[in-house]
């Protein structure tokens, strides 16, 4: 009879070991909401026309600014992406690591966008202030980016 009373008391600590460890709710939510990193844009052969590149720029702008779908937006950025912002390193991975954790929470007001030749501009307001981003497109992909002191082209109509 003593064994029957003692056995449950001895086995109870083992049951606690078998239970799954609790996962902190905020860590689980963050992991589930983390955007999926896409593969970098691959150069198109033959290279798209200016009109086709403009259409790609408009899709990029919509994903980046309107829907804030950072995964879709990054499908337009090539692996060797050059970033002229002194606070950022070059490369697709560096840009992804900077923007993907924060972009979905940005409050963005689109002011205007435009495209000419192989250059596209985005002008918007966010937590970073009023921003003008300029992008150079090459073979259907964003190859280069500037955002320090950029001016929106004054002789172009907004898209």
Protein backbone atom coordinates (compact mmCIF):
# COMPACT_ATOMS: atom_id res chain seq x y z
CA UNK A 1 0.00 0.00 0.00
CA UNK A 2 2.88 2.38 0.73
CA UNK A 3 4.22 1.78 -2.78
CA UNK A 4 0.86 2.68 -4.33
CA UNK A 5 0.91 6.03 -2.50
CA UNK A 6 4.58 6.66 -3.13
CA UNK A 7 4.65 5.76 -6.85
CA UNK A 8 2.51 8.70 -8.10
CA UNK A 9 4.58 11.10 -6.04
CA UNK A 10 7.79 9.74 -7.59
CA UNK A 11 6.43 9.79 -11.17
CA UNK A 12 4.88 13.29 -11.06
CA UNK A 13 8.17 15.14 -11.77
CA UNK A 14 8.73 12.97 -14.87
CA UNK A 15 5.39 14.11 -16.29
CA UNK A 16 6.55 17.71 -16.14
CA UNK A 17 9.61 16.80 -18.18
CA UNK A 18 7.43 15.29 -20.91
CA UNK A 19 5.31 18.42 -21.30
CA UNK A 20 6.38 20.77 -24.13
CA UNK A 21 8.20 23.89 -23.05
CA UNK A 22 5.98 26.95 -23.22
CA UNK A 23 6.69 29.25 -26.19
CA UNK A 24 6.56 32.92 -25.50
CA UNK A 25 3.57 34.31 -27.44
CA UNK A 26 5.42 37.32 -28.86
CA UNK A 27 8.27 35.16 -30.21
CA UNK A 28 5.78 32.81 -31.88
CA UNK A 29 3.81 35.67 -33.44
CA UNK A 30 7.01 37.34 -34.65
CA UNK A 31 8.23 34.11 -36.26
CA UNK A 32 4.87 33.54 -37.97
CA UNK A 33 4.72 37.13 -39.26
CA UNK A 34 8.34 37.29 -40.47
CA UNK A 35 8.34 37.83 -44.24
CA UNK A 36 9.73 35.12 -46.47
CA UNK A 37 13.00 36.07 -48.13
CA UNK A 38 12.67 35.64 -51.92
CA UNK A 39 15.38 34.77 -54.39
CA UNK A 40 17.04 37.83 -55.95
CA UNK A 41 15.91 39.06 -59.35
CA UNK A 42 17.65 37.33 -62.26
CA UNK A 43 18.63 39.45 -65.28
CA UNK A 44 16.20 39.06 -68.17
CA UNK A 45 17.53 37.96 -71.56
CA UNK A 46 16.79 39.71 -73.78
CA UNK A 47 16.60 42.80 -71.59
CA UNK A 48 13.11 44.32 -71.37
CA UNK A 49 12.22 47.51 -73.22
CA UNK A 50 11.90 50.82 -71.38
CA UNK A 51 8.11 50.40 -71.37
CA UNK A 52 8.38 46.87 -69.93
CA UNK A 53 10.85 48.08 -67.29
CA UNK A 54 8.50 50.93 -66.41
CA UNK A 55 5.72 48.36 -65.83
CA UNK A 56 8.08 46.37 -63.59
CA UNK A 57 8.93 49.56 -61.67
CA UNK A 58 5.23 50.24 -61.14
CA UNK A 59 4.71 46.71 -59.79
CA UNK A 60 7.72 47.15 -57.49
CA UNK A 61 6.39 50.52 -56.25
CA UNK A 62 2.96 49.04 -55.55
CA UNK A 63 4.39 46.09 -53.60
CA UNK A 64 6.92 48.23 -51.72
CA UNK A 65 4.73 51.23 -50.85
CA UNK A 66 1.06 50.32 -51.18
CA UNK A 67 0.76 46.71 -50.01
CA UNK A 68 4.12 46.83 -48.14
CA UNK A 69 4.77 43.30 -49.43
CA UNK A 70 8.52 43.30 -48.89
CA UNK A 71 8.82 39.75 -50.22
CA UNK A 72 7.28 40.68 -53.58
CA UNK A 73 9.19 43.98 -53.75
CA UNK A 74 12.52 42.20 -53.28
CA UNK A 75 11.86 39.91 -56.26
CA UNK A 76 12.84 42.97 -58.34
CA UNK A 77 16.23 43.50 -56.64
CA UNK A 78 19.34 41.76 -57.98
CA UNK A 79 22.00 40.02 -55.89
CA UNK A 80 24.71 42.60 -56.61
CA UNK A 81 22.47 45.57 -55.71
CA UNK A 82 24.53 48.70 -55.02
CA UNK A 83 23.21 50.86 -52.18
CA UNK A 84 24.52 54.43 -52.07
CA UNK A 85 23.20 55.04 -48.55
CA UNK A 86 26.28 55.43 -46.30
CA UNK A 87 24.48 53.63 -43.45
CA UNK A 88 23.91 50.47 -45.52
CA UNK A 89 26.13 47.93 -47.18
CA UNK A 90 25.77 46.80 -50.77
CA UNK A 91 23.92 43.64 -51.70
CA UNK A 92 20.48 42.08 -51.72
CA UNK A 93 21.04 40.39 -48.34
CA UNK A 94 22.08 43.59 -46.57
CA UNK A 95 19.01 45.47 -47.83
CA UNK A 96 16.75 42.55 -46.87
CA UNK A 97 18.23 42.37 -43.36
CA UNK A 98 17.68 46.10 -42.83
CA UNK A 99 14.14 46.42 -44.22
CA UNK A 100 12.35 43.08 -43.80
CA UNK A 101 11.98 43.24 -39.99
CA UNK A 102 10.50 46.76 -40.00
CA UNK A 103 8.83 47.40 -43.35
CA UNK A 104 5.43 45.87 -42.64
CA UNK A 105 4.94 48.21 -39.66
CA UNK A 106 5.77 51.41 -41.54
CA UNK A 107 3.04 54.02 -41.99
CA UNK A 108 3.50 55.08 -45.62
CA UNK A 109 1.87 57.87 -47.58
CA UNK A 110 2.67 57.64 -51.29
CA UNK A 111 3.26 61.08 -52.77
CA UNK A 112 4.26 60.16 -56.34
CA UNK A 113 6.32 57.81 -58.50
CA UNK A 114 7.82 58.10 -61.96
CA UNK A 115 10.08 56.30 -64.41
CA UNK A 116 12.28 57.40 -67.33
CA UNK A 117 15.01 55.60 -69.26
CA UNK A 118 16.41 53.11 -66.80
CA UNK A 119 15.65 55.15 -63.64
CA UNK A 120 12.66 55.04 -61.34
CA UNK A 121 11.76 57.34 -58.43
CA UNK A 122 9.53 56.82 -55.40
CA UNK A 123 8.48 59.78 -53.25
CA UNK A 124 6.70 59.00 -49.99
CA UNK A 125 6.36 59.84 -46.31
CA UNK A 126 7.13 57.30 -43.61
CA UNK A 127 8.64 57.08 -40.15
CA UNK A 128 11.90 58.06 -41.84
CA UNK A 129 10.37 61.39 -42.96
CA UNK A 130 9.78 62.46 -46.56
CA UNK A 131 11.84 60.19 -48.80
CA UNK A 132 12.87 60.21 -52.44
CA UNK A 133 14.32 56.87 -53.52
CA UNK A 134 15.96 56.58 -56.95
CA UNK A 135 16.59 53.20 -58.55
CA UNK A 136 18.61 52.21 -61.60
CA UNK A 137 17.17 49.25 -63.46
CA UNK A 138 19.31 46.85 -65.47
CA UNK A 139 18.01 43.84 -67.44
CA UNK A 140 14.65 43.99 -65.63
CA UNK A 141 16.12 44.18 -62.11
CA UNK A 142 16.95 46.95 -59.66
CA UNK A 143 20.74 47.22 -59.72
CA UNK A 144 21.36 50.44 -57.81
CA UNK A 145 19.66 52.68 -55.20
CA UNK A 146 20.12 56.25 -53.93
CA UNK A 147 18.18 57.96 -51.13
CA UNK A 148 20.52 60.62 -49.72
CA UNK A 149 19.56 64.11 -50.89
CA UNK A 150 17.67 62.80 -53.92
CA UNK A 151 15.24 65.13 -55.65
CA UNK A 152 12.13 63.99 -57.47
CA UNK A 153 12.47 64.99 -61.14
CA UNK A 154 10.55 68.25 -61.54
CA UNK A 155 10.00 67.94 -65.28
CA UNK A 156 8.24 64.57 -65.04
CA UNK A 157 4.59 63.94 -64.39
CA UNK A 158 3.78 61.55 -61.57
CA UNK A 159 2.68 58.01 -62.38
